[in-house]
PDB file of N, CA and C in Angstrom:
ATOM      1  N   MET A   1       6.694  -0.389   0.498  1.00  0.00           N
ATOM      2  CA  MET A   1       5.355  -0.820   0.960  1.00  0.00           C
ATOM      3  C   MET A   1       4.869  -1.891  -0.129  1.00  0.00           C
ATOM      4  N   GLU A   2       4.219  -2.855   0.466  1.00  0.00           N
ATOM      5  CA  GLU A   2       3.758  -3.876  -0.387  1.00  0.00           C
ATOM      6  C   GLU A   2       2.340  -4.016  -0.052  1.00  0.00           C
ATOM      7  N   ALA A   3       1.591  -4.271  -1.198  1.00  0.00           N
ATOM      8  CA  ALA A   3       0.023  -4.455  -1.147  1.00  0.00           C
ATOM      9  C   ALA A   3      -0.357  -5.763  -1.574  1.00  0.00           C
ATOM     10  N   ASN A   4      -1.456  -6.436  -0.955  1.00  0.00           N
ATOM     11  CA  ASN A   4      -1.943  -7.620  -1.336  1.00  0.00           C
ATOM     12  C   ASN A   4      -3.561  -7.455  -1.480  1.00  0.00           C
ATOM     13  N   THR A   5      -4.132  -8.235  -2.326  1.00  0.00           N
ATOM     14  CA  THR A   5      -5.660  -8.217  -2.441  1.00  0.00           C
ATOM     15  C   THR A   5      -6.171  -8.943  -1.274  1.00  0.00           C
ATOM     16  N   ASP A   6      -7.403  -8.598  -0.886  1.00  0.00           N
ATOM     17  CA  ASP A   6      -8.204  -9.335   0.237  1.00  0.00           C
ATOM     18  C   ASP A   6      -9.623  -9.364  -0.222  1.00  0.00           C
ATOM     19  N   SER A   7     -10.505  -9.708   0.724  1.00  0.00           N
ATOM     20  CA  SER A   7     -11.966  -9.847   0.328  1.00  0.00           C
ATOM     21  C   SER A   7     -12.744  -9.267   1.387  1.00  0.00           C
ATOM     22  N   SER A   8     -14.066  -9.204   1.104  1.00  0.00           N
ATOM     23  CA  SER A   8     -14.889  -8.695   2.080  1.00  0.00           C
ATOM     24  C   SER A   8     -15.168  -9.594   3.338  1.00  0.00           C
ATOM     25  N   GLU A   9     -15.585  -9.022   4.492  1.00  0.00           N
ATOM     26  CA  GLU A   9     -15.880  -9.774   5.552  1.00  0.00           C
ATOM     27  C   GLU A   9     -17.024  -9.087   6.129  1.00  0.00           C
ATOM     28  N   PRO A  10     -18.076 -10.108   6.839  1.00  0.00           N
ATOM     29  CA  PRO A  10     -19.163  -9.530   7.433  1.00  0.00           C
ATOM     30  C   PRO A  10     -18.727  -8.702   8.775  1.00  0.00           C
ATOM     31  N   MET A  11     -19.552  -7.903   9.109  1.00  0.00           N
ATOM     32  CA  MET A  11     -19.386  -7.004  10.459  1.00  0.00           C
ATOM     33  C   MET A  11     -20.335  -7.740  11.349  1.00  0.00           C
ATOM     34  N   GLY A  12     -19.984  -8.757  12.132  1.00  0.00           N
ATOM     35  CA  GLY A  12     -20.677  -9.293  13.130  1.00  0.00           C
ATOM     36  C   GLY A  12     -21.804 -10.073  12.600  1.00  0.00           C
ATOM     37  N   ASP A  13     -23.032 -10.006  13.319  1.00  0.00           N
ATOM     38  CA  ASP A  13     -24.259 -10.653  12.880  1.00  0.00           C
ATOM     39  C   ASP A  13     -25.152  -9.739  12.107  1.00  0.00           C
ATOM     40  N   GLN A  14     -24.657  -8.485  11.776  1.00  0.00           N
ATOM     41  CA  GLN A  14     -25.381  -7.600  11.265  1.00  0.00           C
ATOM     42  C   GLN A  14     -25.615  -7.749   9.669  1.00  0.00           C
ATOM     43  N   GLN A  15     -26.229  -6.979   9.035  1.00  0.00           N
ATOM     44  CA  GLN A  15     -26.617  -7.155   7.582  1.00  0.00           C
ATOM     45  C   GLN A  15     -25.470  -6.317   6.879  1.00  0.00           C
ATOM     46  N   PHE A  16     -24.604  -5.398   7.501  1.00  0.00           N
ATOM     47  CA  PHE A  16     -23.733  -4.599   6.825  1.00  0.00           C
ATOM     48  C   PHE A  16     -22.439  -5.301   6.621  1.00  0.00           C
ATOM     49  N   TYR A  17     -21.663  -4.678   5.585  1.00  0.00           N
ATOM     50  CA  TYR A  17     -20.409  -5.296   5.318  1.00  0.00           C
ATOM     51  C   TYR A  17     -19.362  -4.140   5.209  1.00  0.00           C
ATOM     52  N   TYR A  18     -18.143  -4.464   5.827  1.00  0.00           N
ATOM     53  CA  TYR A  18     -17.097  -3.574   5.425  1.00  0.00           C
ATOM     54  C   TYR A  18     -16.377  -4.129   4.331  1.00  0.00           C
ATOM     55  N   HIS A  19     -15.979  -3.496   3.235  1.00  0.00           N
ATOM     56  CA  HIS A  19     -15.257  -4.069   2.164  1.00  0.00           C
ATOM     57  C   HIS A  19     -13.781  -3.698   2.260  1.00  0.00           C
ATOM     58  N   TYR A  20     -13.077  -4.730   2.383  1.00  0.00           N
ATOM     59  CA  TYR A  20     -11.558  -4.697   2.574  1.00  0.00           C
ATOM     60  C   TYR A  20     -10.999  -5.113   1.178  1.00  0.00           C
ATOM     61  N   THR A  21     -10.003  -4.334   0.717  1.00  0.00           N
ATOM     62  CA  THR A  21      -9.394  -4.498  -0.476  1.00  0.00           C
ATOM     63  C   THR A  21      -7.989  -5.011  -0.504  1.00  0.00           C
ATOM     64  N   PHE A  22      -7.179  -4.515   0.386  1.00  0.00           N
ATOM     65  CA  PHE A  22      -5.760  -4.651   0.300  1.00  0.00           C
ATOM     66  C   PHE A  22      -5.148  -4.766   1.763  1.00  0.00           C
ATOM     67  N   SER A  23      -3.988  -5.459   1.797  1.00  0.00           N
ATOM     68  CA  SER A  23      -3.267  -5.544   2.971  1.00  0.00           C
ATOM     69  C   SER A  23      -1.909  -4.798   2.726  1.00  0.00           C
ATOM     70  N   ILE A  24      -1.204  -4.297   3.695  1.00  0.00           N
ATOM     71  CA  ILE A  24       0.028  -3.608   3.539  1.00  0.00           C
ATOM     72  C   ILE A  24       0.992  -3.896   4.471  1.00  0.00           C
ATOM     73  N   MET A  25       2.441  -4.027   4.125  1.00  0.00           N
ATOM     74  CA  MET A  25       3.426  -4.049   5.193  1.00  0.00           C
ATOM     75  C   MET A  25       4.028  -2.650   5.147  1.00  0.00           C
ATOM     76  N   ILE A  26       4.125  -2.090   6.364  1.00  0.00           N
ATOM     77  CA  ILE A  26       4.803  -0.790   6.399  1.00  0.00           C
ATOM     78  C   ILE A  26       5.981  -0.912   7.489  1.00  0.00           C
ATOM     79  N   THR A  27       7.197  -0.428   7.041  1.00  0.00           N
ATOM     80  CA  THR A  27       8.212  -0.463   8.107  1.00  0.00           C
ATOM     81  C   THR A  27       8.366   0.997   8.624  1.00  0.00           C
ATOM     82  N   LYS A  28       8.407   1.223   9.863  1.00  0.00           N
ATOM     83  CA  LYS A  28       8.577   2.417  10.524  1.00  0.00           C
ATOM     84  C   LYS A  28       9.407   2.231  11.593  1.00  0.00           C
ATOM     85  N   LYS A  29      10.527   3.186  11.517  1.00  0.00           N
ATOM     86  CA  LYS A  29      11.624   3.132  12.504  1.00  0.00           C
ATOM     87  C   LYS A  29      12.294   1.686  12.694  1.00  0.00           C
ATOM     88  N   GLY A  30      12.332   1.057  11.456  1.00  0.00           N
ATOM     89  CA  GLY A  30      12.873  -0.281  11.601  1.00  0.00           C
ATOM     90  C   GLY A  30      11.990  -1.405  11.949  1.00  0.00           C
ATOM     91  N   VAL A  31      10.943  -1.169  12.281  1.00  0.00           N
ATOM     92  CA  VAL A  31       9.894  -2.009  12.651  1.00  0.00           C
ATOM     93  C   VAL A  31       8.812  -2.310  11.668  1.00  0.00           C
ATOM     94  N   GLU A  32       8.835  -3.654  11.129  1.00  0.00           N
ATOM     95  CA  GLU A  32       7.808  -3.920  10.103  1.00  0.00           C
ATOM     96  C   GLU A  32       6.371  -4.149  10.812  1.00  0.00           C
ATOM     97  N   ARG A  33       5.423  -3.687  10.212  1.00  0.00           N
ATOM     98  CA  ARG A  33       4.010  -3.903  10.620  1.00  0.00           C
ATOM     99  C   ARG A  33       3.189  -4.344   9.428  1.00  0.00           C
ATOM    100  N   TYR A  34       2.514  -5.305   9.662  1.00  0.00           N
ATOM    101  CA  TYR A  34       1.559  -5.875   8.540  1.00  0.00           C
ATOM    102  C   TYR A  34       0.139  -5.527   8.804  1.00  0.00           C
ATOM    103  N   TYR A  35      -0.494  -4.795   8.082  1.00  0.00           N
ATOM    104  CA  TYR A  35      -1.947  -4.440   8.267  1.00  0.00           C
ATOM    105  C   TYR A  35      -2.730  -5.341   7.335  1.00  0.00           C
ATOM    106  N   GLU A  36      -3.514  -6.250   7.808  1.00  0.00           N
ATOM    107  CA  GLU A  36      -4.192  -7.190   7.114  1.00  0.00           C
ATOM    108  C   GLU A  36      -5.174  -6.616   6.236  1.00  0.00           C
ATOM    109  N   LYS A  37      -5.958  -5.612   6.616  1.00  0.00           N
ATOM    110  CA  LYS A  37      -7.063  -5.218   5.836  1.00  0.00           C
ATOM    111  C   LYS A  37      -7.063  -3.540   5.926  1.00  0.00           C
ATOM    112  N   ILE A  38      -7.311  -3.064   4.752  1.00  0.00           N
ATOM    113  CA  ILE A  38      -7.396  -1.715   4.622  1.00  0.00           C
ATOM    114  C   ILE A  38      -8.797  -1.455   3.942  1.00  0.00           C
ATOM    115  N   GLN A  39      -9.831  -0.537   4.622  1.00  0.00           N
ATOM    116  CA  GLN A  39     -11.071  -0.564   3.989  1.00  0.00           C
ATOM    117  C   GLN A  39     -10.929   0.292   2.591  1.00  0.00           C
ATOM    118  N   GLN A  40     -11.721  -0.227   1.663  1.00  0.00           N
ATOM    119  CA  GLN A  40     -11.774   0.502   0.354  1.00  0.00           C
ATOM    120  C   GLN A  40     -12.245   1.854   0.409  1.00  0.00           C
ATOM    121  N   ASP A  41     -13.183   2.167   1.385  1.00  0.00           N
ATOM    122  CA  ASP A  41     -13.760   3.490   1.538  1.00  0.00           C
ATOM    123  C   ASP A  41     -13.137   4.241   2.550  1.00  0.00           C
ATOM    124  N   MET A  42     -11.794   3.919   2.901  1.00  0.00           N
ATOM    125  CA  MET A  42     -10.944   4.891   3.770  1.00  0.00           C
ATOM    126  C   MET A  42     -11.100   6.240   3.315  1.00  0.00           C
ATOM    127  N   GLY A  43     -11.314   7.241   4.076  1.00  0.00           N
ATOM    128  CA  GLY A  43     -11.534   8.691   3.699  1.00  0.00           C
ATOM    129  C   GLY A  43     -10.280   9.422   3.839  1.00  0.00           C
ATOM    130  N   VAL A  44      -9.365   9.200   4.853  1.00  0.00           N
ATOM    131  CA  VAL A  44      -8.170  10.044   5.026  1.00  0.00           C
ATOM    132  C   VAL A  44      -7.011   9.261   5.292  1.00  0.00           C
ATOM    133  N   ILE A  45      -5.880   9.558   4.577  1.00  0.00           N
ATOM    134  CA  ILE A  45      -4.630   8.895   4.808  1.00  0.00           C
ATOM    135  C   ILE A  45      -3.543   9.832   4.858  1.00  0.00           C
ATOM    136  N   ASP A  46      -2.885   9.823   5.928  1.00  0.00           N
ATOM    137  CA  ASP A  46      -1.597  10.740   6.129  1.00  0.00           C
ATOM    138  C   ASP A  46      -0.497   9.959   6.257  1.00  0.00           C
ATOM    139  N   LEU A  47       0.388   9.817   5.421  1.00  0.00           N
ATOM    140  CA  LEU A  47       1.707   9.029   5.311  1.00  0.00           C
ATOM    141  C   LEU A  47       2.796   9.992   5.332  1.00  0.00           C
ATOM    142  N   SER A  48       2.794  11.322   5.766  1.00  0.00           N
ATOM    143  CA  SER A  48       3.748  12.263   5.512  1.00  0.00           C
ATOM    144  C   SER A  48       4.834  11.986   6.586  1.00  0.00           C
ATOM    145  N   ARG A  49       6.071  12.447   6.244  1.00  0.00           N
ATOM    146  CA  ARG A  49       7.227  12.413   7.140  1.00  0.00           C
ATOM    147  C   ARG A  49       7.630  10.981   7.706  1.00  0.00           C
ATOM    148  N   ASN A  50       7.628  10.180   6.650  1.00  0.00           N
ATOM    149  CA  ASN A  50       7.943   8.682   6.929  1.00  0.00           C
ATOM    150  C   ASN A  50       9.112   8.170   6.284  1.00  0.00           C
ATOM    151  N   LYS A  51       9.611   9.114   5.467  1.00  0.00           N
ATOM    152  CA  LYS A  51      10.850   8.570   4.632  1.00  0.00           C
ATOM    153  C   LYS A  51      10.615   7.458   3.713  1.00  0.00           C
ATOM    154  N   PHE A  52       9.347   7.336   3.083  1.00  0.00           N
ATOM    155  CA  PHE A  52       8.994   6.321   2.228  1.00  0.00           C
ATOM    156  C   PHE A  52       9.761   6.622   0.988  1.00  0.00           C
ATOM    157  N   GLU A  53      10.124   5.648   0.215  1.00  0.00           N
ATOM    158  CA  GLU A  53      11.012   5.732  -0.921  1.00  0.00           C
ATOM    159  C   GLU A  53      10.340   5.094  -2.012  1.00  0.00           C
ATOM    160  N   GLY A  54      10.697   5.605  -3.307  1.00  0.00           N
ATOM    161  CA  GLY A  54      10.077   4.853  -4.541  1.00  0.00           C
ATOM    162  C   GLY A  54       8.972   5.500  -5.118  1.00  0.00           C
ATOM    163  N   LYS A  55       8.104   4.702  -5.660  1.00  0.00           N
ATOM    164  CA  LYS A  55       6.803   5.194  -6.401  1.00  0.00           C
ATOM    165  C   LYS A  55       5.680   5.185  -5.329  1.00  0.00           C
ATOM    166  N   ILE A  56       4.664   6.013  -5.651  1.00  0.00           N
ATOM    167  CA  ILE A  56       3.552   5.973  -4.774  1.00  0.00           C
ATOM    168  C   ILE A  56       2.734   4.729  -5.146  1.00  0.00           C
ATOM    169  N   PRO A  57       2.505   3.874  -4.094  1.00  0.00           N
ATOM    170  CA  PRO A  57       1.914   2.490  -4.477  1.00  0.00           C
ATOM    171  C   PRO A  57       0.511   2.660  -5.069  1.00  0.00           C
ATOM    172  N   ALA A  58       0.507   1.579  -6.094  1.00  0.00           N
ATOM    173  CA  ALA A  58      -0.706   1.476  -6.901  1.00  0.00           C
ATOM    174  C   ALA A  58      -2.150   1.202  -6.291  1.00  0.00           C
ATOM    175  N   PHE A  59      -2.041   0.610  -5.157  1.00  0.00           N
ATOM    176  CA  PHE A  59      -3.200   0.235  -4.391  1.00  0.00           C
ATOM    177  C   PHE A  59      -4.098   1.660  -3.973  1.00  0.00           C
ATOM    178  N   ILE A  60      -3.262   2.630  -3.912  1.00  0.00           N
ATOM    179  CA  ILE A  60      -3.980   3.939  -3.357  1.00  0.00           C
ATOM    180  C   ILE A  60      -5.023   4.375  -4.417  1.00  0.00           C
ATOM    181  N   GLY A  61      -4.775   3.977  -5.662  1.00  0.00           N
ATOM    182  CA  GLY A  61      -5.864   4.328  -6.708  1.00  0.00           C
ATOM    183  C   GLY A  61      -7.165   3.564  -6.616  1.00  0.00           C
ATOM    184  N   ASN A  62      -7.001   2.443  -5.851  1.00  0.00           N
ATOM    185  CA  ASN A  62      -8.201   1.646  -5.592  1.00  0.00           C
ATOM    186  C   ASN A  62      -9.126   1.983  -4.442  1.00  0.00           C
ATOM    187  N   LEU A  63      -8.535   2.989  -3.667  1.00  0.00           N
ATOM    188  CA  LEU A  63      -9.263   3.409  -2.368  1.00  0.00           C
ATOM    189  C   LEU A  63     -10.256   4.546  -2.855  1.00  0.00           C
ATOM    190  N   LYS A  64     -11.408   4.065  -3.408  1.00  0.00           N
ATOM    191  CA  LYS A  64     -12.408   4.993  -4.080  1.00  0.00           C
ATOM    192  C   LYS A  64     -13.054   5.957  -2.995  1.00  0.00           C
ATOM    193  N   GLY A  65     -12.990   5.743  -1.695  1.00  0.00           N
ATOM    194  CA  GLY A  65     -13.657   6.705  -0.890  1.00  0.00           C
ATOM    195  C   GLY A  65     -12.724   7.708  -0.305  1.00  0.00           C
ATOM    196  N   LEU A  66     -11.432   7.721  -0.841  1.00  0.00           N
ATOM    197  CA  LEU A  66     -10.365   8.526  -0.328  1.00  0.00           C
ATOM    198  C   LEU A  66     -10.732  10.124  -0.523  1.00  0.00           C
ATOM    199  N   ARG A  67     -10.700  10.935   0.333  1.00  0.00           N
ATOM    200  CA  ARG A  67     -10.868  12.335   0.259  1.00  0.00           C
ATOM    201  C   ARG A  67      -9.756  13.224   0.597  1.00  0.00           C
ATOM    202  N   PHE A  68      -8.791  12.696   1.461  1.00  0.00           N
ATOM    203  CA  PHE A  68      -7.581  13.518   1.751  1.00  0.00           C
ATOM    204  C   PHE A  68      -6.391  12.489   1.725  1.00  0.00           C
ATOM    205  N   LEU A  69      -5.433  12.864   0.877  1.00  0.00           N
ATOM    206  CA  LEU A  69      -4.177  12.101   0.958  1.00  0.00           C
ATOM    207  C   LEU A  69      -2.952  12.985   1.152  1.00  0.00           C
ATOM    208  N   ASN A  70      -2.178  12.653   2.110  1.00  0.00           N
ATOM    209  CA  ASN A  70      -1.025  13.450   2.374  1.00  0.00           C
ATOM    210  C   ASN A  70       0.227  12.364   2.351  1.00  0.00           C
ATOM    211  N   VAL A  71       1.033  12.611   1.325  1.00  0.00           N
ATOM    212  CA  VAL A  71       2.365  11.712   1.336  1.00  0.00           C
ATOM    213  C   VAL A  71       3.518  12.689   1.318  1.00  0.00           C
ATOM    214  N   SER A  72       3.462  13.915   1.853  1.00  0.00           N
ATOM    215  CA  SER A  72       4.373  14.919   1.811  1.00  0.00           C
ATOM    216  C   SER A  72       5.569  14.521   2.724  1.00  0.00           C
ATOM    217  N   ASN A  73       6.777  15.186   2.449  1.00  0.00           N
ATOM    218  CA  ASN A  73       7.839  15.010   3.309  1.00  0.00           C
ATOM    219  C   ASN A  73       8.441  13.515   3.306  1.00  0.00           C
ATOM    220  N   ASN A  74       8.382  12.870   2.087  1.00  0.00           N
ATOM    221  CA  ASN A  74       8.945  11.552   2.093  1.00  0.00           C
ATOM    222  C   ASN A  74      10.117  11.632   1.063  1.00  0.00           C
ATOM    223  N   ILE A  75      10.504  10.515   0.459  1.00  0.00           N
ATOM    224  CA  ILE A  75      11.540  10.449  -0.661  1.00  0.00           C
ATOM    225  C   ILE A  75      10.862   9.717  -1.761  1.00  0.00           C
ATOM    226  N   LEU A  76       9.522  10.048  -2.221  1.00  0.00           N
ATOM    227  CA  LEU A  76       8.956   9.521  -3.405  1.00  0.00           C
ATOM    228  C   LEU A  76       9.557  10.058  -4.526  1.00  0.00           C
ATOM    229  N   SER A  77       9.714   9.160  -5.647  1.00  0.00           N
ATOM    230  CA  SER A  77      10.182   9.587  -6.801  1.00  0.00           C
ATOM    231  C   SER A  77       9.307   9.076  -8.091  1.00  0.00           C
ATOM    232  N   ASP A  78       9.827   9.483  -9.165  1.00  0.00           N
ATOM    233  CA  ASP A  78       9.186   8.968 -10.560  1.00  0.00           C
ATOM    234  C   ASP A  78       8.094  10.165 -10.833  1.00  0.00           C
ATOM    235  N   SER A  79       7.289   9.731 -11.719  1.00  0.00           N
ATOM    236  CA  SER A  79       6.377  10.731 -12.063  1.00  0.00           C
ATOM    237  C   SER A  79       5.054  10.590 -11.136  1.00  0.00           C
ATOM    238  N   ILE A  80       4.149  11.535 -11.288  1.00  0.00           N
ATOM    239  CA  ILE A  80       2.802  11.546 -10.455  1.00  0.00           C
ATOM    240  C   ILE A  80       1.983  10.390 -11.158  1.00  0.00           C
ATOM    241  N   PRO A  81       1.518   9.503 -10.498  1.00  0.00           N
ATOM    242  CA  PRO A  81       0.793   8.411 -11.097  1.00  0.00           C
ATOM    243  C   PRO A  81      -0.606   8.808 -11.546  1.00  0.00           C
ATOM    244  N   SER A  82      -0.959   8.332 -12.823  1.00  0.00           N
ATOM    245  CA  SER A  82      -2.370   8.682 -13.339  1.00  0.00           C
ATOM    246  C   SER A  82      -3.375   8.118 -12.624  1.00  0.00           C
ATOM    247  N   PHE A  83      -3.171   6.935 -11.806  1.00  0.00           N
ATOM    248  CA  PHE A  83      -4.286   6.408 -11.017  1.00  0.00           C
ATOM    249  C   PHE A  83      -4.808   7.274  -9.939  1.00  0.00           C
ATOM    250  N   LEU A  84      -4.050   8.339  -9.640  1.00  0.00           N
ATOM    251  CA  LEU A  84      -4.574   9.393  -8.766  1.00  0.00           C
ATOM    252  C   LEU A  84      -5.898  10.011  -9.200  1.00  0.00           C
ATOM    253  N   GLY A  85      -5.991   9.946 -10.600  1.00  0.00           N
ATOM    254  CA  GLY A  85      -7.225  10.602 -11.302  1.00  0.00           C
ATOM    255  C   GLY A  85      -8.397   9.632 -11.093  1.00  0.00           C
ATOM    256  N   ASN A  86      -8.229   8.401 -10.552  1.00  0.00           N
ATOM    257  CA  ASN A  86      -9.363   7.492 -10.201  1.00  0.00           C
ATOM    258  C   ASN A  86     -10.161   7.831  -8.940  1.00  0.00           C
ATOM    259  N   LEU A  87      -9.383   8.643  -8.230  1.00  0.00           N
ATOM    260  CA  LEU A  87     -10.002   9.121  -6.855  1.00  0.00           C
ATOM    261  C   LEU A  87     -10.950  10.286  -7.043  1.00  0.00           C
ATOM    262  N   ILE A  88     -12.024   9.986  -7.451  1.00  0.00           N
ATOM    263  CA  ILE A  88     -13.087  11.059  -7.811  1.00  0.00           C
ATOM    264  C   ILE A  88     -13.609  11.784  -6.667  1.00  0.00           C
ATOM    265  N   LEU A  89     -13.507  11.346  -5.467  1.00  0.00           N
ATOM    266  CA  LEU A  89     -13.887  12.034  -4.311  1.00  0.00           C
ATOM    267  C   LEU A  89     -12.827  12.800  -3.541  1.00  0.00           C
ATOM    268  N   LEU A  90     -11.559  12.734  -4.156  1.00  0.00           N
ATOM    269  CA  LEU A  90     -10.360  13.242  -3.587  1.00  0.00           C
ATOM    270  C   LEU A  90     -10.657  14.905  -3.499  1.00  0.00           C
ATOM    271  N   GLU A  91     -10.457  15.379  -2.351  1.00  0.00           N
ATOM    272  CA  GLU A  91     -10.619  16.838  -2.063  1.00  0.00           C
ATOM    273  C   GLU A  91      -9.217  17.589  -1.953  1.00  0.00           C
ATOM    274  N   ALA A  92      -8.264  16.847  -1.115  1.00  0.00           N
ATOM    275  CA  ALA A  92      -6.981  17.383  -1.040  1.00  0.00           C
ATOM    276  C   ALA A  92      -5.822  16.384  -1.107  1.00  0.00           C
ATOM    277  N   LEU A  93      -4.867  16.755  -1.865  1.00  0.00           N
ATOM    278  CA  LEU A  93      -3.752  15.925  -2.219  1.00  0.00           C
ATOM    279  C   LEU A  93      -2.606  16.806  -1.889  1.00  0.00           C
ATOM    280  N   ASP A  94      -1.534  16.221  -1.069  1.00  0.00           N
ATOM    281  CA  ASP A  94      -0.293  16.953  -0.702  1.00  0.00           C
ATOM    282  C   ASP A  94       0.825  16.048  -1.010  1.00  0.00           C
ATOM    283  N   LEU A  95       1.515  16.296  -2.079  1.00  0.00           N
ATOM    284  CA  LEU A  95       2.648  15.550  -2.666  1.00  0.00           C
ATOM    285  C   LEU A  95       3.909  16.349  -2.491  1.00  0.00           C
ATOM    286  N   SER A  96       3.849  17.460  -1.653  1.00  0.00           N
ATOM    287  CA  SER A  96       5.106  18.356  -1.606  1.00  0.00           C
ATOM    288  C   SER A  96       6.235  17.723  -0.842  1.00  0.00           C
ATOM    289  N   TYR A  97       7.445  18.251  -1.064  1.00  0.00           N
ATOM    290  CA  TYR A  97       8.730  17.778  -0.523  1.00  0.00           C
ATOM    291  C   TYR A  97       9.017  16.371  -0.773  1.00  0.00           C
ATOM    292  N   ASN A  98       8.830  15.942  -2.021  1.00  0.00           N
ATOM    293  CA  ASN A  98       9.269  14.599  -2.576  1.00  0.00           C
ATOM    294  C   ASN A  98      10.149  14.788  -3.704  1.00  0.00           C
ATOM    295  N   ASP A  99      10.468  13.942  -4.414  1.00  0.00           N
ATOM    296  CA  ASP A  99      11.334  13.950  -5.604  1.00  0.00           C
ATOM    297  C   ASP A  99      10.559  13.545  -6.785  1.00  0.00           C
ATOM    298  N   LEU A 100       9.283  13.926  -6.839  1.00  0.00           N
ATOM    299  CA  LEU A 100       8.320  13.518  -7.843  1.00  0.00           C
ATOM    300  C   LEU A 100       8.518  14.571  -9.260  1.00  0.00           C
ATOM    301  N   SER A 101       8.553  14.054 -10.267  1.00  0.00           N
ATOM    302  CA  SER A 101       8.569  14.886 -11.499  1.00  0.00           C
ATOM    303  C   SER A 101       7.098  15.473 -11.651  1.00  0.00           C
ATOM    304  N   ARG A 102       7.181  16.483 -12.390  1.00  0.00           N
ATOM    305  CA  ARG A 102       5.770  17.283 -12.511  1.00  0.00           C
ATOM    306  C   ARG A 102       4.972  16.641 -13.586  1.00  0.00           C
ATOM    307  N   GLU A 103       5.441  15.628 -14.317  1.00  0.00           N
ATOM    308  CA  GLU A 103       4.600  14.932 -15.261  1.00  0.00           C
ATOM    309  C   GLU A 103       3.663  13.923 -14.574  1.00  0.00           C
ATOM    310  N   ILE A 104       2.594  13.734 -15.258  1.00  0.00           N
ATOM    311  CA  ILE A 104       1.758  12.647 -14.743  1.00  0.00           C
ATOM    312  C   ILE A 104       1.777  11.433 -15.648  1.00  0.00           C
ATOM    313  N   SER A 105       2.132  10.236 -15.136  1.00  0.00           N
ATOM    314  CA  SER A 105       2.392   9.096 -15.890  1.00  0.00           C
ATOM    315  C   SER A 105       1.079   8.694 -16.781  1.00  0.00           C
ATOM    316  N   GLN A 106       1.360   7.983 -17.806  1.00  0.00           N
ATOM    317  CA  GLN A 106       0.059   7.623 -18.656  1.00  0.00           C
ATOM    318  C   GLN A 106      -0.503   6.259 -18.274  1.00  0.00           C
TER     319      GLN A 106
END
């Protein structure tokens, strides 16, 4: 997965704004998909059972509105990243069935 920074964009003619922080490239079943904007206040992300490899991407630590994160049943490795501690609204986190060490990185 790759992440890029992005910026805010207005929501039509209204006074409200969605705040977009990142874009991401996800390959699923051999097909690459580019998602231009991910809302910073995204509440639920389920990336389970996707055969993702490597580390948990750092951009997830910037999704301040995240309440539920499921990355179970992948091939994630390394230690559990400390940036998950930045997710102060997080209520549920599923890291099961990966190859993560039990240590939290500094």
